[in-house]
């Protein structure tokens, strides 16, 4: 388990420009990216021991992050 946050620009390095364009012009993308960022930071705090959480909570958050990442990927490929 890495203790490095999974930022969208790092997850999609070939789409950094498209990420910026979508953030500037697509309200739905902004909502998804913000939710991803919030969940991603919570996972990072859990993994680094800053914030306690049950295993079930950590798994739930990782599943949500993956679903959001899949949605971001779909939007990037459609752009």
PDB file of N, CA and C in Angstrom:
ATOM      1  N   UNK A   1       0.856  -1.166   0.000  1.00  0.00           N
ATOM      2  CA  UNK A   1       0.000   0.000   0.000  1.00  0.00           C
ATOM      3  C   UNK A   1       0.903   1.230   0.000  1.00  0.00           C
ATOM      4  N   UNK A   2       0.729   2.063  -1.013  1.00  0.00           N
ATOM      5  CA  UNK A   2       1.524   3.288  -1.035  1.00  0.00           C
ATOM      6  C   UNK A   2       0.811   4.355  -0.215  1.00  0.00           C
ATOM      7  N   UNK A   3       1.587   5.218   0.354  1.00  0.00           N
ATOM      8  CA  UNK A   3       1.010   6.293   1.153  1.00  0.00           C
ATOM      9  C   UNK A   3       1.127   7.612   0.409  1.00  0.00           C
ATOM     10  N   UNK A   4       0.958   7.555  -0.890  1.00  0.00           N
ATOM     11  CA  UNK A   4       1.034   8.737  -1.732  1.00  0.00           C
ATOM     12  C   UNK A   4      -0.355   9.008  -2.281  1.00  0.00           C
ATOM     13  N   UNK A   5      -0.829  10.235  -2.179  1.00  0.00           N
ATOM     14  CA  UNK A   5      -2.149  10.536  -2.735  1.00  0.00           C
ATOM     15  C   UNK A   5      -2.182  10.287  -4.242  1.00  0.00           C
ATOM     16  N   UNK A   6      -3.293   9.825  -4.732  1.00  0.00           N
ATOM     17  CA  UNK A   6      -3.482   9.535  -6.150  1.00  0.00           C
ATOM     18  C   UNK A   6      -4.164  10.720  -6.816  1.00  0.00           C
ATOM     19  N   UNK A   7      -3.419  11.776  -7.080  1.00  0.00           N
ATOM     20  CA  UNK A   7      -3.996  12.968  -7.707  1.00  0.00           C
ATOM     21  C   UNK A   7      -4.339  12.660  -9.162  1.00  0.00           C
ATOM     22  N   UNK A   8      -5.384  13.297  -9.677  1.00  0.00           N
ATOM     23  CA  UNK A   8      -5.839  13.016 -11.034  1.00  0.00           C
ATOM     24  C   UNK A   8      -4.754  13.293 -12.071  1.00  0.00           C
ATOM     25  N   UNK A   9      -4.007  14.366 -11.918  1.00  0.00           N
ATOM     26  CA  UNK A   9      -2.949  14.680 -12.881  1.00  0.00           C
ATOM     27  C   UNK A   9      -1.868  13.599 -12.887  1.00  0.00           C
ATOM     28  N   UNK A  10      -1.651  12.957 -11.752  1.00  0.00           N
ATOM     29  CA  UNK A  10      -0.682  11.865 -11.681  1.00  0.00           C
ATOM     30  C   UNK A  10      -1.267  10.561 -12.205  1.00  0.00           C
ATOM     31  N   UNK A  11      -2.562  10.393 -12.033  1.00  0.00           N
ATOM     32  CA  UNK A  11      -3.239   9.192 -12.532  1.00  0.00           C
ATOM     33  C   UNK A  11      -3.391   9.222 -14.054  1.00  0.00           C
ATOM     34  N   UNK A  12      -3.530  10.419 -14.611  1.00  0.00           N
ATOM     35  CA  UNK A  12      -3.733  10.590 -16.048  1.00  0.00           C
ATOM     36  C   UNK A  12      -2.709  11.586 -16.610  1.00  0.00           C
ATOM     37  N   UNK A  13      -1.426  11.252 -16.562  1.00  0.00           N
ATOM     38  CA  UNK A  13      -0.401  12.213 -16.970  1.00  0.00           C
ATOM     39  C   UNK A  13      -0.485  12.617 -18.444  1.00  0.00           C
ATOM     40  N   UNK A  14      -1.044  11.768 -19.283  1.00  0.00           N
ATOM     41  CA  UNK A  14      -1.175  12.097 -20.702  1.00  0.00           C
ATOM     42  C   UNK A  14      -2.376  12.993 -20.991  1.00  0.00           C
ATOM     43  N   UNK A  15      -3.177  13.283 -19.969  1.00  0.00           N
ATOM     44  CA  UNK A  15      -4.399  14.058 -20.147  1.00  0.00           C
ATOM     45  C   UNK A  15      -4.442  15.313 -19.277  1.00  0.00           C
ATOM     46  N   UNK A  16      -3.295  15.803 -18.862  1.00  0.00           N
ATOM     47  CA  UNK A  16      -3.265  16.953 -17.954  1.00  0.00           C
ATOM     48  C   UNK A  16      -3.970  18.157 -18.575  1.00  0.00           C
ATOM     49  N   UNK A  17      -3.709  18.414 -19.838  1.00  0.00           N
ATOM     50  CA  UNK A  17      -4.339  19.555 -20.511  1.00  0.00           C
ATOM     51  C   UNK A  17      -5.856  19.371 -20.588  1.00  0.00           C
ATOM     52  N   UNK A  18      -6.296  18.165 -20.900  1.00  0.00           N
ATOM     53  CA  UNK A  18      -7.730  17.878 -20.977  1.00  0.00           C
ATOM     54  C   UNK A  18      -8.376  18.013 -19.600  1.00  0.00           C
ATOM     55  N   UNK A  19      -7.675  17.588 -18.559  1.00  0.00           N
ATOM     56  CA  UNK A  19      -8.191  17.763 -17.194  1.00  0.00           C
ATOM     57  C   UNK A  19      -8.454  19.240 -16.913  1.00  0.00           C
ATOM     58  N   UNK A  20      -7.513  20.093 -17.289  1.00  0.00           N
ATOM     59  CA  UNK A  20      -7.680  21.534 -17.064  1.00  0.00           C
ATOM     60  C   UNK A  20      -8.851  22.092 -17.878  1.00  0.00           C
ATOM     61  N   UNK A  21      -8.973  21.643 -19.109  1.00  0.00           N
ATOM     62  CA  UNK A  21     -10.071  22.102 -19.960  1.00  0.00           C
ATOM     63  C   UNK A  21     -11.427  21.686 -19.376  1.00  0.00           C
ATOM     64  N   UNK A  22     -11.526  20.445 -18.953  1.00  0.00           N
ATOM     65  CA  UNK A  22     -12.787  19.971 -18.381  1.00  0.00           C
ATOM     66  C   UNK A  22     -13.113  20.712 -17.083  1.00  0.00           C
ATOM     67  N   UNK A  23     -12.103  20.968 -16.261  1.00  0.00           N
ATOM     68  CA  UNK A  23     -12.337  21.714 -15.024  1.00  0.00           C
ATOM     69  C   UNK A  23     -12.826  23.132 -15.314  1.00  0.00           C
ATOM     70  N   UNK A  24     -12.372  23.697 -16.407  1.00  0.00           N
ATOM     71  CA  UNK A  24     -12.747  25.071 -16.750  1.00  0.00           C
ATOM     72  C   UNK A  24     -14.118  25.169 -17.411  1.00  0.00           C
ATOM     73  N   UNK A  25     -14.572  24.074 -18.055  1.00  0.00           N
ATOM     74  CA  UNK A  25     -15.768  24.190 -18.884  1.00  0.00           C
ATOM     75  C   UNK A  25     -16.859  23.145 -18.635  1.00  0.00           C
ATOM     76  N   UNK A  26     -16.679  22.265 -17.677  1.00  0.00           N
ATOM     77  CA  UNK A  26     -17.654  21.199 -17.480  1.00  0.00           C
ATOM     78  C   UNK A  26     -17.994  21.085 -15.987  1.00  0.00           C
ATOM     79  N   UNK A  27     -19.165  21.582 -15.623  1.00  0.00           N
ATOM     80  CA  UNK A  27     -19.574  21.601 -14.212  1.00  0.00           C
ATOM     81  C   UNK A  27     -19.683  20.188 -13.632  1.00  0.00           C
ATOM     82  N   UNK A  28     -20.154  19.241 -14.423  1.00  0.00           N
ATOM     83  CA  UNK A  28     -20.263  17.867 -13.927  1.00  0.00           C
ATOM     84  C   UNK A  28     -18.869  17.303 -13.641  1.00  0.00           C
ATOM     85  N   UNK A  29     -17.923  17.577 -14.521  1.00  0.00           N
ATOM     86  CA  UNK A  29     -16.563  17.113 -14.292  1.00  0.00           C
ATOM     87  C   UNK A  29     -15.989  17.722 -13.014  1.00  0.00           C
ATOM     88  N   UNK A  30     -16.248  18.996 -12.794  1.00  0.00           N
ATOM     89  CA  UNK A  30     -15.765  19.667 -11.582  1.00  0.00           C
ATOM     90  C   UNK A  30     -16.318  18.965 -10.347  1.00  0.00           C
ATOM     91  N   UNK A  31     -17.594  18.611 -10.373  1.00  0.00           N
ATOM     92  CA  UNK A  31     -18.219  17.915  -9.245  1.00  0.00           C
ATOM     93  C   UNK A  31     -17.536  16.564  -9.007  1.00  0.00           C
ATOM     94  N   UNK A  32     -17.321  15.813 -10.068  1.00  0.00           N
ATOM     95  CA  UNK A  32     -16.687  14.496  -9.962  1.00  0.00           C
ATOM     96  C   UNK A  32     -15.246  14.644  -9.466  1.00  0.00           C
ATOM     97  N   UNK A  33     -14.511  15.598 -10.023  1.00  0.00           N
ATOM     98  CA  UNK A  33     -13.115  15.811  -9.625  1.00  0.00           C
ATOM     99  C   UNK A  33     -13.024  16.247  -8.165  1.00  0.00           C
ATOM    100  N   UNK A  34     -13.925  17.103  -7.731  1.00  0.00           N
ATOM    101  CA  UNK A  34     -13.929  17.543  -6.329  1.00  0.00           C
ATOM    102  C   UNK A  34     -14.232  16.385  -5.391  1.00  0.00           C
ATOM    103  N   UNK A  35     -15.195  15.555  -5.760  1.00  0.00           N
ATOM    104  CA  UNK A  35     -15.538  14.393  -4.927  1.00  0.00           C
ATOM    105  C   UNK A  35     -14.351  13.423  -4.876  1.00  0.00           C
ATOM    106  N   UNK A  36     -13.709  13.200  -6.031  1.00  0.00           N
ATOM    107  CA  UNK A  36     -12.526  12.341  -6.080  1.00  0.00           C
ATOM    108  C   UNK A  36     -11.449  12.889  -5.144  1.00  0.00           C
ATOM    109  N   UNK A  37     -11.200  14.185  -5.224  1.00  0.00           N
ATOM    110  CA  UNK A  37     -10.169  14.815  -4.401  1.00  0.00           C
ATOM    111  C   UNK A  37     -10.476  14.649  -2.907  1.00  0.00           C
ATOM    112  N   UNK A  38     -11.722  14.871  -2.518  1.00  0.00           N
ATOM    113  CA  UNK A  38     -12.127  14.743  -1.121  1.00  0.00           C
ATOM    114  C   UNK A  38     -11.919  13.315  -0.615  1.00  0.00           C
ATOM    115  N   UNK A  39     -12.372  12.346  -1.378  1.00  0.00           N
ATOM    116  CA  UNK A  39     -12.227  10.934  -0.987  1.00  0.00           C
ATOM    117  C   UNK A  39     -10.758  10.536  -1.000  1.00  0.00           C
ATOM    118  N   UNK A  40     -10.036  10.988  -1.992  1.00  0.00           N
ATOM    119  CA  UNK A  40      -8.622  10.668  -2.102  1.00  0.00           C
ATOM    120  C   UNK A  40      -7.838  11.166  -0.889  1.00  0.00           C
ATOM    121  N   UNK A  41      -8.125  12.376  -0.459  1.00  0.00           N
ATOM    122  CA  UNK A  41      -7.450  12.931   0.715  1.00  0.00           C
ATOM    123  C   UNK A  41      -7.820  12.153   1.980  1.00  0.00           C
ATOM    124  N   UNK A  42      -9.080  11.745   2.090  1.00  0.00           N
ATOM    125  CA  UNK A  42      -9.486  10.967   3.266  1.00  0.00           C
ATOM    126  C   UNK A  42      -8.758   9.625   3.299  1.00  0.00           C
ATOM    127  N   UNK A  43      -8.652   8.981   2.150  1.00  0.00           N
ATOM    128  CA  UNK A  43      -7.922   7.718   2.071  1.00  0.00           C
ATOM    129  C   UNK A  43      -6.459   7.936   2.472  1.00  0.00           C
ATOM    130  N   UNK A  44      -5.876   9.001   1.992  1.00  0.00           N
ATOM    131  CA  UNK A  44      -4.479   9.290   2.319  1.00  0.00           C
ATOM    132  C   UNK A  44      -4.303   9.482   3.827  1.00  0.00           C
ATOM    133  N   UNK A  45      -5.229  10.204   4.460  1.00  0.00           N
ATOM    134  CA  UNK A  45      -5.144  10.405   5.913  1.00  0.00           C
ATOM    135  C   UNK A  45      -5.278   9.075   6.656  1.00  0.00           C
ATOM    136  N   UNK A  46      -6.149   8.198   6.174  1.00  0.00           N
ATOM    137  CA  UNK A  46      -6.327   6.883   6.794  1.00  0.00           C
ATOM    138  C   UNK A  46      -5.054   6.055   6.631  1.00  0.00           C
ATOM    139  N   UNK A  47      -4.514   6.020   5.409  1.00  0.00           N
ATOM    140  CA  UNK A  47      -3.336   5.201   5.124  1.00  0.00           C
ATOM    141  C   UNK A  47      -2.101   5.671   5.892  1.00  0.00           C
ATOM    142  N   UNK A  48      -2.026   6.956   6.185  1.00  0.00           N
ATOM    143  CA  UNK A  48      -0.856   7.480   6.893  1.00  0.00           C
ATOM    144  C   UNK A  48      -1.066   7.500   8.403  1.00  0.00           C
ATOM    145  N   UNK A  49      -2.233   7.040   8.868  1.00  0.00           N
ATOM    146  CA  UNK A  49      -2.496   6.945  10.290  1.00  0.00           C
ATOM    147  C   UNK A  49      -2.930   8.244  10.944  1.00  0.00           C
ATOM    148  N   UNK A  50      -3.183   9.261  10.152  1.00  0.00           N
ATOM    149  CA  UNK A  50      -3.625  10.549  10.688  1.00  0.00           C
ATOM    150  C   UNK A  50      -5.082  10.466  11.133  1.00  0.00           C
ATOM    151  N   UNK A  51      -5.865   9.698  10.410  1.00  0.00           N
ATOM    152  CA  UNK A  51      -7.298   9.571  10.687  1.00  0.00           C
ATOM    153  C   UNK A  51      -7.645   8.092  10.850  1.00  0.00           C
ATOM    154  N   UNK A  52      -8.157   7.695  11.994  1.00  0.00           N
ATOM    155  CA  UNK A  52      -8.520   6.295  12.176  1.00  0.00           C
ATOM    156  C   UNK A  52      -9.787   5.938  11.387  1.00  0.00           C
ATOM    157  N   UNK A  53      -9.817   4.703  10.907  1.00  0.00           N
ATOM    158  CA  UNK A  53     -11.007   4.216  10.202  1.00  0.00           C
ATOM    159  C   UNK A  53     -10.976   2.690  10.210  1.00  0.00           C
ATOM    160  N   UNK A  54     -12.142   2.111  10.135  1.00  0.00           N
ATOM    161  CA  UNK A  54     -12.230   0.650  10.067  1.00  0.00           C
ATOM    162  C   UNK A  54     -11.768   0.193   8.679  1.00  0.00           C
ATOM    163  N   UNK A  55     -11.429  -1.082   8.585  1.00  0.00           N
ATOM    164  CA  UNK A  55     -11.058  -1.647   7.288  1.00  0.00           C
ATOM    165  C   UNK A  55     -12.205  -1.515   6.299  1.00  0.00           C
ATOM    166  N   UNK A  56     -13.418  -1.704   6.789  1.00  0.00           N
ATOM    167  CA  UNK A  56     -14.592  -1.611   5.924  1.00  0.00           C
ATOM    168  C   UNK A  56     -14.728  -0.203   5.333  1.00  0.00           C
ATOM    169  N   UNK A  57     -14.501   0.804   6.165  1.00  0.00           N
ATOM    170  CA  UNK A  57     -14.577   2.193   5.704  1.00  0.00           C
ATOM    171  C   UNK A  57     -13.503   2.476   4.657  1.00  0.00           C
ATOM    172  N   UNK A  58     -12.291   2.008   4.900  1.00  0.00           N
ATOM    173  CA  UNK A  58     -11.201   2.221   3.949  1.00  0.00           C
ATOM    174  C   UNK A  58     -11.507   1.544   2.614  1.00  0.00           C
ATOM    175  N   UNK A  59     -12.029   0.335   2.669  1.00  0.00           N
ATOM    176  CA  UNK A  59     -12.388  -0.386   1.438  1.00  0.00           C
ATOM    177  C   UNK A  59     -13.491   0.341   0.697  1.00  0.00           C
ATOM    178  N   UNK A  60     -14.502   0.799   1.418  1.00  0.00           N
ATOM    179  CA  UNK A  60     -15.608   1.541   0.806  1.00  0.00           C
ATOM    180  C   UNK A  60     -15.092   2.794   0.090  1.00  0.00           C
ATOM    181  N   UNK A  61     -14.205   3.512   0.743  1.00  0.00           N
ATOM    182  CA  UNK A  61     -13.654   4.729   0.140  1.00  0.00           C
ATOM    183  C   UNK A  61     -12.826   4.410  -1.099  1.00  0.00           C
ATOM    184  N   UNK A  62     -12.043   3.354  -1.052  1.00  0.00           N
ATOM    185  CA  UNK A  62     -11.244   2.971  -2.224  1.00  0.00           C
ATOM    186  C   UNK A  62     -12.148   2.584  -3.395  1.00  0.00           C
ATOM    187  N   UNK A  63     -13.247   1.917  -3.102  1.00  0.00           N
ATOM    188  CA  UNK A  63     -14.199   1.556  -4.172  1.00  0.00           C
ATOM    189  C   UNK A  63     -14.821   2.805  -4.791  1.00  0.00           C
ATOM    190  N   UNK A  64     -15.183   3.768  -3.940  1.00  0.00           N
ATOM    191  CA  UNK A  64     -15.749   5.018  -4.449  1.00  0.00           C
ATOM    192  C   UNK A  64     -14.725   5.760  -5.302  1.00  0.00           C
ATOM    193  N   UNK A  65     -13.475   5.798  -4.811  1.00  0.00           N
ATOM    194  CA  UNK A  65     -12.422   6.477  -5.571  1.00  0.00           C
ATOM    195  C   UNK A  65     -12.239   5.813  -6.930  1.00  0.00           C
ATOM    196  N   UNK A  66     -12.254   4.497  -6.970  1.00  0.00           N
ATOM    197  CA  UNK A  66     -12.083   3.780  -8.236  1.00  0.00           C
ATOM    198  C   UNK A  66     -13.238   4.067  -9.187  1.00  0.00           C
ATOM    199  N   UNK A  67     -14.460   4.109  -8.676  1.00  0.00           N
ATOM    200  CA  UNK A  67     -15.618   4.407  -9.516  1.00  0.00           C
ATOM    201  C   UNK A  67     -15.517   5.826 -10.091  1.00  0.00           C
ATOM    202  N   UNK A  68     -15.092   6.770  -9.253  1.00  0.00           N
ATOM    203  CA  UNK A  68     -14.923   8.144  -9.731  1.00  0.00           C
ATOM    204  C   UNK A  68     -13.798   8.230 -10.752  1.00  0.00           C
ATOM    205  N   UNK A  69     -12.721   7.506 -10.512  1.00  0.00           N
ATOM    206  CA  UNK A  69     -11.605   7.487 -11.462  1.00  0.00           C
ATOM    207  C   UNK A  69     -12.063   6.911 -12.793  1.00  0.00           C
ATOM    208  N   UNK A  70     -12.882   5.874 -12.771  1.00  0.00           N
ATOM    209  CA  UNK A  70     -13.429   5.303 -14.002  1.00  0.00           C
ATOM    210  C   UNK A  70     -14.278   6.328 -14.752  1.00  0.00           C
ATOM    211  N   UNK A  71     -15.062   7.097 -13.993  1.00  0.00           N
ATOM    212  CA  UNK A  71     -15.901   8.121 -14.621  1.00  0.00           C
ATOM    213  C   UNK A  71     -15.034   9.220 -15.238  1.00  0.00           C
ATOM    214  N   UNK A  72     -14.010   9.622 -14.523  1.00  0.00           N
ATOM    215  CA  UNK A  72     -13.077  10.625 -15.057  1.00  0.00           C
ATOM    216  C   UNK A  72     -12.436  10.084 -16.343  1.00  0.00           C
ATOM    217  N   UNK A  73     -12.005   8.848 -16.312  1.00  0.00           N
ATOM    218  CA  UNK A  73     -11.384   8.245 -17.490  1.00  0.00           C
ATOM    219  C   UNK A  73     -12.345   8.257 -18.687  1.00  0.00           C
ATOM    220  N   UNK A  74     -13.593   7.926 -18.446  1.00  0.00           N
ATOM    221  CA  UNK A  74     -14.593   7.938 -19.516  1.00  0.00           C
ATOM    222  C   UNK A  74     -14.752   9.339 -20.084  1.00  0.00           C
ATOM    223  N   UNK A  75     -14.804  10.330 -19.196  1.00  0.00           N
ATOM    224  CA  UNK A  75     -14.963  11.707 -19.647  1.00  0.00           C
ATOM    225  C   UNK A  75     -13.722  12.191 -20.407  1.00  0.00           C
ATOM    226  N   UNK A  76     -12.549  11.798 -19.970  1.00  0.00           N
ATOM    227  CA  UNK A  76     -11.328  12.188 -20.666  1.00  0.00           C
ATOM    228  C   UNK A  76     -11.274  11.571 -22.063  1.00  0.00           C
ATOM    229  N   UNK A  77     -11.670  10.331 -22.172  1.00  0.00           N
ATOM    230  CA  UNK A  77     -11.647   9.665 -23.470  1.00  0.00           C
ATOM    231  C   UNK A  77     -12.704  10.210 -24.430  1.00  0.00           C
ATOM    232  N   UNK A  78     -13.772  10.769 -23.882  1.00  0.00           N
ATOM    233  CA  UNK A  78     -14.836  11.333 -24.717  1.00  0.00           C
ATOM    234  C   UNK A  78     -14.523  12.770 -25.145  1.00  0.00           C
ATOM    235  N   UNK A  79     -13.586  13.416 -24.435  1.00  0.00           N
ATOM    236  CA  UNK A  79     -13.275  14.824 -24.723  1.00  0.00           C
ATOM    237  C   UNK A  79     -12.417  14.961 -25.962  1.00  0.00           C
TER     238      UNK A  79
END
